Amino acid sequence: MRWALLAVGIGLEITSSVSLKLSEGLRRPGPTVTAVAATIAGLLVFMLVVDRFSLSYAYAVWAGLGTLVVATIGIAAFDEPVSALKVISLVIIASGLVGLNLAGAE
C-alpha cells in the first residue's frame, strides 16, 4: 500500500508540473485548475507517504523520480534541448535512487 501511495503521489507531482507548462503562465483555465488540484492532492498524499517511509527516502524518491519523468516529458513532448550533460545528470539522479534502494534507506 505504501508503494502505491508513493506512486500516486509521484504521478500527481508529474501531472502538476506538466499542467503548469500547458497552462501557459496560468492563462489557460483547464491546465491551471489541473495543476492546482494535482499540487494540493499531491501534498495530501505526500503527508501519508512520509508517515510510511522515512522522510529522507520518501522525499528523495518523490523528487528524483518526478525530476526524471518530467525532464523526459520535456524533451519528448515539449522539444526541450537535450545535451550530453543533461543526460549524464539524469543518469546520476537515477543512480542515486538505485543507491538509496540498495542501501535500504527506506
PDB file of N, CA and C in Angstrom:
ATOM      1  N   MET A   1       0.820  -1.205   0.000  1.00  0.00           N
ATOM      2  CA  MET A   1       0.000   0.000   0.000  1.00  0.00           C
ATOM      3  C   MET A   1       0.863   1.268   0.000  1.00  0.00           C
ATOM      4  N   ARG A   2       1.953   1.249   0.753  1.00  0.00           N
ATOM      5  CA  ARG A   2       2.774   2.459   0.836  1.00  0.00           C
ATOM      6  C   ARG A   2       3.440   2.772  -0.495  1.00  0.00           C
ATOM      7  N   TRP A   3       3.830   1.729  -1.236  1.00  0.00           N
ATOM      8  CA  TRP A   3       4.434   1.940  -2.550  1.00  0.00           C
ATOM      9  C   TRP A   3       3.406   2.491  -3.529  1.00  0.00           C
ATOM     10  N   ALA A   4       2.173   2.032  -3.417  1.00  0.00           N
ATOM     11  CA  ALA A   4       1.102   2.549  -4.274  1.00  0.00           C
ATOM     12  C   ALA A   4       0.873   4.031  -3.977  1.00  0.00           C
ATOM     13  N   LEU A   5       0.876   4.398  -2.705  1.00  0.00           N
ATOM     14  CA  LEU A   5       0.719   5.807  -2.338  1.00  0.00           C
ATOM     15  C   LEU A   5       1.855   6.644  -2.900  1.00  0.00           C
ATOM     16  N   LEU A   6       3.068   6.131  -2.795  1.00  0.00           N
ATOM     17  CA  LEU A   6       4.224   6.850  -3.324  1.00  0.00           C
ATOM     18  C   LEU A   6       4.078   7.032  -4.833  1.00  0.00           C
ATOM     19  N   ALA A   7       3.654   5.985  -5.532  1.00  0.00           N
ATOM     20  CA  ALA A   7       3.471   6.069  -6.983  1.00  0.00           C
ATOM     21  C   ALA A   7       2.384   7.077  -7.350  1.00  0.00           C
ATOM     22  N   VAL A   8       1.278   7.064  -6.614  1.00  0.00           N
ATOM     23  CA  VAL A   8       0.200   8.024  -6.874  1.00  0.00           C
ATOM     24  C   VAL A   8       0.706   9.446  -6.639  1.00  0.00           C
ATOM     25  N   GLY A   9       1.423   9.644  -5.566  1.00  0.00           N
ATOM     26  CA  GLY A   9       1.952  10.967  -5.271  1.00  0.00           C
ATOM     27  C   GLY A   9       2.905  11.473  -6.334  1.00  0.00           C
ATOM     28  N   ILE A  10       3.776  10.599  -6.813  1.00  0.00           N
ATOM     29  CA  ILE A  10       4.706  10.984  -7.874  1.00  0.00           C
ATOM     30  C   ILE A  10       3.922  11.300  -9.143  1.00  0.00           C
ATOM     31  N   GLY A  11       2.905  10.504  -9.426  1.00  0.00           N
ATOM     32  CA  GLY A  11       2.053  10.776 -10.586  1.00  0.00           C
ATOM     33  C   GLY A  11       1.385  12.138 -10.495  1.00  0.00           C
ATOM     34  N   LEU A  12       0.925  12.498  -9.309  1.00  0.00           N
ATOM     35  CA  LEU A  12       0.313  13.811  -9.111  1.00  0.00           C
ATOM     36  C   LEU A  12       1.327  14.926  -9.290  1.00  0.00           C
ATOM     37  N   GLU A  13       2.547  14.704  -8.818  1.00  0.00           N
ATOM     38  CA  GLU A  13       3.624  15.686  -8.981  1.00  0.00           C
ATOM     39  C   GLU A  13       3.911  15.908 -10.468  1.00  0.00           C
ATOM     40  N   ILE A  14       3.981  14.827 -11.208  1.00  0.00           N
ATOM     41  CA  ILE A  14       4.235  14.912 -12.647  1.00  0.00           C
ATOM     42  C   ILE A  14       3.074  15.622 -13.341  1.00  0.00           C
ATOM     43  N   THR A  15       1.854  15.257 -12.978  1.00  0.00           N
ATOM     44  CA  THR A  15       0.665  15.901 -13.556  1.00  0.00           C
ATOM     45  C   THR A  15       0.676  17.397 -13.286  1.00  0.00           C
ATOM     46  N   SER A  16       1.019  17.767 -12.071  1.00  0.00           N
ATOM     47  CA  SER A  16       1.072  19.172 -11.700  1.00  0.00           C
ATOM     48  C   SER A  16       2.102  19.926 -12.539  1.00  0.00           C
ATOM     49  N   SER A  17       3.285  19.361 -12.670  1.00  0.00           N
ATOM     50  CA  SER A  17       4.354  20.035 -13.412  1.00  0.00           C
ATOM     51  C   SER A  17       4.020  20.186 -14.893  1.00  0.00           C
ATOM     52  N   VAL A  18       3.525  19.119 -15.497  1.00  0.00           N
ATOM     53  CA  VAL A  18       3.171  19.184 -16.916  1.00  0.00           C
ATOM     54  C   VAL A  18       2.000  20.147 -17.125  1.00  0.00           C
ATOM     55  N   SER A  19       1.046  20.135 -16.216  1.00  0.00           N
ATOM     56  CA  SER A  19      -0.098  21.041 -16.330  1.00  0.00           C
ATOM     57  C   SER A  19       0.328  22.498 -16.217  1.00  0.00           C
ATOM     58  N   LEU A  20       1.309  22.776 -15.384  1.00  0.00           N
ATOM     59  CA  LEU A  20       1.818  24.146 -15.293  1.00  0.00           C
ATOM     60  C   LEU A  20       2.388  24.592 -16.630  1.00  0.00           C
ATOM     61  N   LYS A  21       3.114  23.706 -17.292  1.00  0.00           N
ATOM     62  CA  LYS A  21       3.658  24.029 -18.611  1.00  0.00           C
ATOM     63  C   LYS A  21       2.518  24.277 -19.597  1.00  0.00           C
ATOM     64  N   LEU A  22       1.517  23.401 -19.573  1.00  0.00           N
ATOM     65  CA  LEU A  22       0.388  23.517 -20.504  1.00  0.00           C
ATOM     66  C   LEU A  22      -0.494  24.730 -20.214  1.00  0.00           C
ATOM     67  N   SER A  23      -0.414  25.257 -18.988  1.00  0.00           N
ATOM     68  CA  SER A  23      -1.264  26.395 -18.618  1.00  0.00           C
ATOM     69  C   SER A  23      -0.815  27.701 -19.258  1.00  0.00           C
ATOM     70  N   GLU A  24       0.373  27.701 -19.850  1.00  0.00           N
ATOM     71  CA  GLU A  24       0.911  28.904 -20.500  1.00  0.00           C
ATOM     72  C   GLU A  24       0.889  30.106 -19.564  1.00  0.00           C
ATOM     73  N   GLY A  25       1.556  29.943 -18.440  1.00  0.00           N
ATOM     74  CA  GLY A  25       1.628  31.044 -17.472  1.00  0.00           C
ATOM     75  C   GLY A  25       0.318  31.302 -16.763  1.00  0.00           C
ATOM     76  N   LEU A  26      -0.442  30.251 -16.520  1.00  0.00           N
ATOM     77  CA  LEU A  26      -1.746  30.301 -15.845  1.00  0.00           C
ATOM     78  C   LEU A  26      -2.807  31.026 -16.670  1.00  0.00           C
ATOM     79  N   ARG A  27      -2.599  31.117 -17.978  1.00  0.00           N
ATOM     80  CA  ARG A  27      -3.572  31.785 -18.853  1.00  0.00           C
ATOM     81  C   ARG A  27      -4.633  30.829 -19.387  1.00  0.00           C
ATOM     82  N   ARG A  28      -4.400  29.537 -19.306  1.00  0.00           N
ATOM     83  CA  ARG A  28      -5.383  28.557 -19.780  1.00  0.00           C
ATOM     84  C   ARG A  28      -6.039  27.923 -18.558  1.00  0.00           C
ATOM     85  N   PRO A  29      -7.354  28.094 -18.393  1.00  0.00           N
ATOM     86  CA  PRO A  29      -8.003  27.650 -17.163  1.00  0.00           C
ATOM     87  C   PRO A  29      -7.954  26.147 -16.909  1.00  0.00           C
ATOM     88  N   GLY A  30      -8.146  25.319 -17.919  1.00  0.00           N
ATOM     89  CA  GLY A  30      -8.160  23.868 -17.704  1.00  0.00           C
ATOM     90  C   GLY A  30      -6.868  23.347 -17.086  1.00  0.00           C
ATOM     91  N   PRO A  31      -5.736  23.584 -17.754  1.00  0.00           N
ATOM     92  CA  PRO A  31      -4.474  23.124 -17.172  1.00  0.00           C
ATOM     93  C   PRO A  31      -4.131  23.808 -15.844  1.00  0.00           C
ATOM     94  N   THR A  32      -4.565  25.049 -15.686  1.00  0.00           N
ATOM     95  CA  THR A  32      -4.301  25.754 -14.423  1.00  0.00           C
ATOM     96  C   THR A  32      -5.022  25.067 -13.274  1.00  0.00           C
ATOM     97  N   VAL A  33      -6.312  24.771 -13.457  1.00  0.00           N
ATOM     98  CA  VAL A  33      -7.090  24.087 -12.417  1.00  0.00           C
ATOM     99  C   VAL A  33      -6.489  22.706 -12.145  1.00  0.00           C
ATOM    100  N   THR A  34      -6.093  22.019 -13.210  1.00  0.00           N
ATOM    101  CA  THR A  34      -5.479  20.697 -13.035  1.00  0.00           C
ATOM    102  C   THR A  34      -4.190  20.804 -12.226  1.00  0.00           C
ATOM    103  N   ALA A  35      -3.373  21.796 -12.529  1.00  0.00           N
ATOM    104  CA  ALA A  35      -2.110  21.980 -11.801  1.00  0.00           C
ATOM    105  C   ALA A  35      -2.356  22.240 -10.322  1.00  0.00           C
ATOM    106  N   VAL A  36      -3.294  23.112 -10.023  1.00  0.00           N
ATOM    107  CA  VAL A  36      -3.591  23.442  -8.621  1.00  0.00           C
ATOM    108  C   VAL A  36      -4.150  22.218  -7.896  1.00  0.00           C
ATOM    109  N   ALA A  37      -5.095  21.531  -8.532  1.00  0.00           N
ATOM    110  CA  ALA A  37      -5.703  20.353  -7.899  1.00  0.00           C
ATOM    111  C   ALA A  37      -4.671  19.254  -7.684  1.00  0.00           C
ATOM    112  N   ALA A  38      -3.822  19.020  -8.688  1.00  0.00           N
ATOM    113  CA  ALA A  38      -2.798  17.972  -8.559  1.00  0.00           C
ATOM    114  C   ALA A  38      -1.773  18.332  -7.490  1.00  0.00           C
ATOM    115  N   THR A  39      -1.443  19.608  -7.375  1.00  0.00           N
ATOM    116  CA  THR A  39      -0.498  20.046  -6.344  1.00  0.00           C
ATOM    117  C   THR A  39      -1.072  19.812  -4.951  1.00  0.00           C
ATOM    118  N   ILE A  40      -2.310  20.208  -4.734  1.00  0.00           N
ATOM    119  CA  ILE A  40      -2.945  20.026  -3.429  1.00  0.00           C
ATOM    120  C   ILE A  40      -3.089  18.537  -3.108  1.00  0.00           C
ATOM    121  N   ALA A  41      -3.591  17.766  -4.071  1.00  0.00           N
ATOM    122  CA  ALA A  41      -3.743  16.325  -3.858  1.00  0.00           C
ATOM    123  C   ALA A  41      -2.392  15.672  -3.607  1.00  0.00           C
ATOM    124  N   GLY A  42      -1.379  16.107  -4.352  1.00  0.00           N
ATOM    125  CA  GLY A  42      -0.039  15.550  -4.169  1.00  0.00           C
ATOM    126  C   GLY A  42       0.513  15.803  -2.779  1.00  0.00           C
ATOM    127  N   LEU A  43       0.298  17.002  -2.266  1.00  0.00           N
ATOM    128  CA  LEU A  43       0.760  17.304  -0.906  1.00  0.00           C
ATOM    129  C   LEU A  43       0.025  16.463   0.136  1.00  0.00           C
ATOM    130  N   LEU A  44      -1.259  16.269  -0.085  1.00  0.00           N
ATOM    131  CA  LEU A  44      -2.020  15.424   0.839  1.00  0.00           C
ATOM    132  C   LEU A  44      -1.511  13.981   0.808  1.00  0.00           C
ATOM    133  N   VAL A  45      -1.243  13.476  -0.380  1.00  0.00           N
ATOM    134  CA  VAL A  45      -0.703  12.118  -0.494  1.00  0.00           C
ATOM    135  C   VAL A  45       0.693  12.057   0.125  1.00  0.00           C
ATOM    136  N   PHE A  46       1.501  13.093  -0.090  1.00  0.00           N
ATOM    137  CA  PHE A  46       2.853  13.093   0.487  1.00  0.00           C
ATOM    138  C   PHE A  46       2.800  13.041   2.009  1.00  0.00           C
ATOM    139  N   MET A  47       1.806  13.665   2.613  1.00  0.00           N
ATOM    140  CA  MET A  47       1.652  13.581   4.077  1.00  0.00           C
ATOM    141  C   MET A  47       1.462  12.124   4.501  1.00  0.00           C
ATOM    142  N   LEU A  48       0.718  11.371   3.712  1.00  0.00           N
ATOM    143  CA  LEU A  48       0.523   9.946   4.018  1.00  0.00           C
ATOM    144  C   LEU A  48       1.794   9.146   3.758  1.00  0.00           C
ATOM    145  N   VAL A  49       2.504   9.507   2.704  1.00  0.00           N
ATOM    146  CA  VAL A  49       3.727   8.784   2.338  1.00  0.00           C
ATOM    147  C   VAL A  49       4.794   8.926   3.423  1.00  0.00           C
ATOM    148  N   VAL A  50       4.995  10.137   3.938  1.00  0.00           N
ATOM    149  CA  VAL A  50       6.059  10.331   4.932  1.00  0.00           C
ATOM    150  C   VAL A  50       5.726   9.669   6.262  1.00  0.00           C
ATOM    151  N   ASP A  51       4.476   9.279   6.434  1.00  0.00           N
ATOM    152  CA  ASP A  51       4.099   8.523   7.623  1.00  0.00           C
ATOM    153  C   ASP A  51       4.475   7.049   7.480  1.00  0.00           C
ATOM    154  N   ARG A  52       4.752   6.629   6.235  1.00  0.00           N
ATOM    155  CA  ARG A  52       5.023   5.214   5.958  1.00  0.00           C
ATOM    156  C   ARG A  52       6.469   4.937   5.554  1.00  0.00           C
ATOM    157  N   PHE A  53       7.208   5.954   5.175  1.00  0.00           N
ATOM    158  CA  PHE A  53       8.627   5.854   4.812  1.00  0.00           C
ATOM    159  C   PHE A  53       9.396   6.873   5.633  1.00  0.00           C
ATOM    160  N   SER A  54      10.701   6.717   5.693  1.00  0.00           N
ATOM    161  CA  SER A  54      11.493   7.781   6.301  1.00  0.00           C
ATOM    162  C   SER A  54      11.375   9.026   5.420  1.00  0.00           C
ATOM    163  N   LEU A  55      11.441  10.179   6.033  1.00  0.00           N
ATOM    164  CA  LEU A  55      11.279  11.429   5.304  1.00  0.00           C
ATOM    165  C   LEU A  55      12.338  11.577   4.216  1.00  0.00           C
ATOM    166  N   SER A  56      13.595  11.304   4.559  1.00  0.00           N
ATOM    167  CA  SER A  56      14.663  11.494   3.577  1.00  0.00           C
ATOM    168  C   SER A  56      14.478  10.585   2.370  1.00  0.00           C
ATOM    169  N   TYR A  57      14.087   9.350   2.595  1.00  0.00           N
ATOM    170  CA  TYR A  57      13.884   8.415   1.493  1.00  0.00           C
ATOM    171  C   TYR A  57      12.668   8.818   0.665  1.00  0.00           C
ATOM    172  N   ALA A  58      11.560   9.113   1.325  1.00  0.00           N
ATOM    173  CA  ALA A  58      10.335   9.471   0.615  1.00  0.00           C
ATOM    174  C   ALA A  58      10.556  10.695  -0.264  1.00  0.00           C
ATOM    175  N   TYR A  59      11.200  11.711   0.289  1.00  0.00           N
ATOM    176  CA  TYR A  59      11.400  12.931  -0.491  1.00  0.00           C
ATOM    177  C   TYR A  59      12.382  12.712  -1.631  1.00  0.00           C
ATOM    178  N   ALA A  60      13.431  11.954  -1.395  1.00  0.00           N
ATOM    179  CA  ALA A  60      14.413  11.698  -2.453  1.00  0.00           C
ATOM    180  C   ALA A  60      13.777  10.942  -3.618  1.00  0.00           C
ATOM    181  N   VAL A  61      12.996   9.929  -3.314  1.00  0.00           N
ATOM    182  CA  VAL A  61      12.346   9.157  -4.378  1.00  0.00           C
ATOM    183  C   VAL A  61      11.310  10.025  -5.080  1.00  0.00           C
ATOM    184  N   TRP A  62      10.520  10.747  -4.317  1.00  0.00           N
ATOM    185  CA  TRP A  62       9.487  11.635  -4.858  1.00  0.00           C
ATOM    186  C   TRP A  62      10.107  12.653  -5.820  1.00  0.00           C
ATOM    187  N   ALA A  63      11.089  13.369  -5.335  1.00  0.00           N
ATOM    188  CA  ALA A  63      11.705  14.419  -6.147  1.00  0.00           C
ATOM    189  C   ALA A  63      12.527  13.838  -7.293  1.00  0.00           C
ATOM    190  N   GLY A  64      13.257  12.768  -7.017  1.00  0.00           N
ATOM    191  CA  GLY A  64      14.113  12.184  -8.045  1.00  0.00           C
ATOM    192  C   GLY A  64      13.327  11.597  -9.203  1.00  0.00           C
ATOM    193  N   LEU A  65      12.351  10.762  -8.904  1.00  0.00           N
ATOM    194  CA  LEU A  65      11.550  10.175  -9.986  1.00  0.00           C
ATOM    195  C   LEU A  65      10.729  11.241 -10.704  1.00  0.00           C
ATOM    196  N   GLY A  66      10.203  12.175  -9.939  1.00  0.00           N
ATOM    197  CA  GLY A  66       9.467  13.273 -10.565  1.00  0.00           C
ATOM    198  C   GLY A  66      10.347  14.051 -11.531  1.00  0.00           C
ATOM    199  N   THR A  67      11.566  14.346 -11.112  1.00  0.00           N
ATOM    200  CA  THR A  67      12.509  15.066 -11.965  1.00  0.00           C
ATOM    201  C   THR A  67      12.844  14.274 -13.219  1.00  0.00           C
ATOM    202  N   LEU A  68      13.129  12.986 -13.049  1.00  0.00           N
ATOM    203  CA  LEU A  68      13.460  12.150 -14.206  1.00  0.00           C
ATOM    204  C   LEU A  68      12.324  12.113 -15.219  1.00  0.00           C
ATOM    205  N   VAL A  69      11.122  11.892 -14.746  1.00  0.00           N
ATOM    206  CA  VAL A  69       9.980  11.770 -15.661  1.00  0.00           C
ATOM    207  C   VAL A  69       9.644  13.110 -16.301  1.00  0.00           C
ATOM    208  N   VAL A  70       9.613  14.175 -15.512  1.00  0.00           N
ATOM    209  CA  VAL A  70       9.275  15.485 -16.067  1.00  0.00           C
ATOM    210  C   VAL A  70      10.340  15.939 -17.071  1.00  0.00           C
ATOM    211  N   ALA A  71      11.597  15.696 -16.777  1.00  0.00           N
ATOM    212  CA  ALA A  71      12.653  16.052 -17.730  1.00  0.00           C
ATOM    213  C   ALA A  71      12.501  15.267 -19.026  1.00  0.00           C
ATOM    214  N   THR A  72      12.167  14.001 -18.916  1.00  0.00           N
ATOM    215  CA  THR A  72      11.961  13.170 -20.106  1.00  0.00           C
ATOM    216  C   THR A  72      10.762  13.653 -20.910  1.00  0.00           C
ATOM    217  N   ILE A  73       9.678  14.010 -20.223  1.00  0.00           N
ATOM    218  CA  ILE A  73       8.500  14.547 -20.905  1.00  0.00           C
ATOM    219  C   ILE A  73       8.852  15.866 -21.588  1.00  0.00           C
ATOM    220  N   GLY A  74       9.615  16.700 -20.907  1.00  0.00           N
ATOM    221  CA  GLY A  74      10.027  17.974 -21.501  1.00  0.00           C
ATOM    222  C   GLY A  74      10.788  17.772 -22.803  1.00  0.00           C
ATOM    223  N   ILE A  75      11.680  16.800 -22.800  1.00  0.00           N
ATOM    224  CA  ILE A  75      12.459  16.512 -24.003  1.00  0.00           C
ATOM    225  C   ILE A  75      11.570  15.927 -25.097  1.00  0.00           C
ATOM    226  N   ALA A  76      10.735  14.957 -24.726  1.00  0.00           N
ATOM    227  CA  ALA A  76       9.939  14.232 -25.719  1.00  0.00           C
ATOM    228  C   ALA A  76       8.733  15.019 -26.224  1.00  0.00           C
ATOM    229  N   ALA A  77       8.052  15.722 -25.335  1.00  0.00           N
ATOM    230  CA  ALA A  77       6.789  16.351 -25.714  1.00  0.00           C
ATOM    231  C   ALA A  77       6.888  17.852 -25.966  1.00  0.00           C
ATOM    232  N   PHE A  78       7.868  18.502 -25.367  1.00  0.00           N
ATOM    233  CA  PHE A  78       7.957  19.952 -25.482  1.00  0.00           C
ATOM    234  C   PHE A  78       9.212  20.407 -26.207  1.00  0.00           C
ATOM    235  N   ASP A  79       9.871  19.477 -26.855  1.00  0.00           N
ATOM    236  CA  ASP A  79      11.071  19.781 -27.658  1.00  0.00           C
ATOM    237  C   ASP A  79      12.129  20.564 -26.889  1.00  0.00           C
ATOM    238  N   GLU A  80      12.279  20.259 -25.608  1.00  0.00           N
ATOM    239  CA  GLU A  80      13.336  20.902 -24.841  1.00  0.00           C
ATOM    240  C   GLU A  80      14.683  20.342 -25.299  1.00  0.00           C
ATOM    241  N   PRO A  81      15.702  21.183 -25.255  1.00  0.00           N
ATOM    242  CA  PRO A  81      17.003  20.709 -25.742  1.00  0.00           C
ATOM    243  C   PRO A  81      17.565  19.596 -24.856  1.00  0.00           C
ATOM    244  N   VAL A  82      18.258  18.684 -25.494  1.00  0.00           N
ATOM    245  CA  VAL A  82      18.924  17.605 -24.773  1.00  0.00           C
ATOM    246  C   VAL A  82      20.406  17.691 -25.092  1.00  0.00           C
ATOM    247  N   SER A  83      21.190  17.518 -24.055  1.00  0.00           N
ATOM    248  CA  SER A  83      22.637  17.557 -24.229  1.00  0.00           C
ATOM    249  C   SER A  83      23.237  16.389 -23.473  1.00  0.00           C
ATOM    250  N   ALA A  84      24.497  16.146 -23.731  1.00  0.00           N
ATOM    251  CA  ALA A  84      25.187  15.074 -23.018  1.00  0.00           C
ATOM    252  C   ALA A  84      25.177  15.348 -21.517  1.00  0.00           C
ATOM    253  N   LEU A  85      25.381  16.595 -21.138  1.00  0.00           N
ATOM    254  CA  LEU A  85      25.394  16.937 -19.713  1.00  0.00           C
ATOM    255  C   LEU A  85      24.036  16.680 -19.073  1.00  0.00           C
ATOM    256  N   LYS A  86      22.942  16.991 -19.791  1.00  0.00           N
ATOM    257  CA  LYS A  86      21.604  16.749 -19.260  1.00  0.00           C
ATOM    258  C   LYS A  86      21.379  15.252 -19.062  1.00  0.00           C
ATOM    259  N   VAL A  87      21.754  14.467 -20.049  1.00  0.00           N
ATOM    260  CA  VAL A  87      21.581  13.016 -19.954  1.00  0.00           C
ATOM    261  C   VAL A  87      22.418  12.453 -18.816  1.00  0.00           C
ATOM    262  N   ILE A  88      23.666  12.876 -18.703  1.00  0.00           N
ATOM    263  CA  ILE A  88      24.537  12.401 -17.621  1.00  0.00           C
ATOM    264  C   ILE A  88      23.952  12.780 -16.262  1.00  0.00           C
ATOM    265  N   SER A  89      23.423  13.987 -16.163  1.00  0.00           N
ATOM    266  CA  SER A  89      22.824  14.432 -14.896  1.00  0.00           C
ATOM    267  C   SER A  89      21.618  13.583 -14.517  1.00  0.00           C
ATOM    268  N   LEU A  90      20.777  13.250 -15.493  1.00  0.00           N
ATOM    269  CA  LEU A  90      19.616  12.393 -15.220  1.00  0.00           C
ATOM    270  C   LEU A  90      20.061  10.981 -14.827  1.00  0.00           C
ATOM    271  N   VAL A  91      21.125  10.490 -15.445  1.00  0.00           N
ATOM    272  CA  VAL A  91      21.664   9.174 -15.070  1.00  0.00           C
ATOM    273  C   VAL A  91      22.185   9.212 -13.634  1.00  0.00           C
ATOM    274  N   ILE A  92      22.795  10.298 -13.251  1.00  0.00           N
ATOM    275  CA  ILE A  92      23.289  10.432 -11.870  1.00  0.00           C
ATOM    276  C   ILE A  92      22.123  10.417 -10.884  1.00  0.00           C
ATOM    277  N   ILE A  93      21.035  11.113 -11.216  1.00  0.00           N
ATOM    278  CA  ILE A  93      19.853  11.096 -10.346  1.00  0.00           C
ATOM    279  C   ILE A  93      19.319   9.674 -10.221  1.00  0.00           C
ATOM    280  N   ALA A  94      19.183   8.993 -11.353  1.00  0.00           N
ATOM    281  CA  ALA A  94      18.694   7.610 -11.332  1.00  0.00           C
ATOM    282  C   ALA A  94      19.630   6.721 -10.517  1.00  0.00           C
ATOM    283  N   SER A  95      20.917   6.918 -10.667  1.00  0.00           N
ATOM    284  CA  SER A  95      21.892   6.129  -9.902  1.00  0.00           C
ATOM    285  C   SER A  95      21.752   6.375  -8.410  1.00  0.00           C
ATOM    286  N   GLY A  96      21.499   7.612  -8.044  1.00  0.00           N
ATOM    287  CA  GLY A  96      21.299   7.930  -6.638  1.00  0.00           C
ATOM    288  C   GLY A  96      20.075   7.237  -6.063  1.00  0.00           C
ATOM    289  N   LEU A  97      19.011   7.157  -6.844  1.00  0.00           N
ATOM    290  CA  LEU A  97      17.804   6.467  -6.386  1.00  0.00           C
ATOM    291  C   LEU A  97      18.053   4.970  -6.235  1.00  0.00           C
ATOM    292  N   VAL A  98      18.780   4.389  -7.185  1.00  0.00           N
ATOM    293  CA  VAL A  98      19.143   2.971  -7.062  1.00  0.00           C
ATOM    294  C   VAL A  98      20.006   2.766  -5.834  1.00  0.00           C
ATOM    295  N   GLY A  99      20.951   3.653  -5.620  1.00  0.00           N
ATOM    296  CA  GLY A  99      21.825   3.555  -4.447  1.00  0.00           C
ATOM    297  C   GLY A  99      21.052   3.614  -3.139  1.00  0.00           C
ATOM    298  N   LEU A 100      20.077   4.517  -3.067  1.00  0.00           N
ATOM    299  CA  LEU A 100      19.253   4.599  -1.856  1.00  0.00           C
ATOM    300  C   LEU A 100      18.515   3.283  -1.605  1.00  0.00           C
ATOM    301  N   ASN A 101      17.979   2.713  -2.683  1.00  0.00           N
ATOM    302  CA  ASN A 101      17.274   1.441  -2.525  1.00  0.00           C
ATOM    303  C   ASN A 101      18.216   0.335  -2.088  1.00  0.00           C
ATOM    304  N   LEU A 102      19.387   0.281  -2.687  1.00  0.00           N
ATOM    305  CA  LEU A 102      20.350  -0.763  -2.310  1.00  0.00           C
ATOM    306  C   LEU A 102      20.836  -0.590  -0.875  1.00  0.00           C
ATOM    307  N   ALA A 103      20.887   0.647  -0.422  1.00  0.00           N
ATOM    308  CA  ALA A 103      21.335   0.920   0.945  1.00  0.00           C
ATOM    309  C   ALA A 103      20.250   0.635   1.966  1.00  0.00           C
ATOM    310  N   GLY A 104      19.047   0.376   1.489  1.00  0.00           N
ATOM    311  CA  GLY A 104      17.944   0.090   2.415  1.00  0.00           C
ATOM    312  C   GLY A 104      17.549   1.333   3.192  1.00  0.00           C
ATOM    313  N   ALA A 105      17.551   2.483   2.534  1.00  0.00           N
ATOM    314  CA  ALA A 105      17.312   3.747   3.214  1.00  0.00           C
ATOM    315  C   ALA A 105      15.861   4.034   3.533  1.00  0.00           C
ATOM    316  N   GLU A 106      14.960   3.140   3.169  1.00  0.00           N
ATOM    317  CA  GLU A 106      13.550   3.436   3.388  1.00  0.00           C
ATOM    318  C   GLU A 106      13.194   3.315   4.837  1.00  0.00           C
TER     319      GLU A 106
END
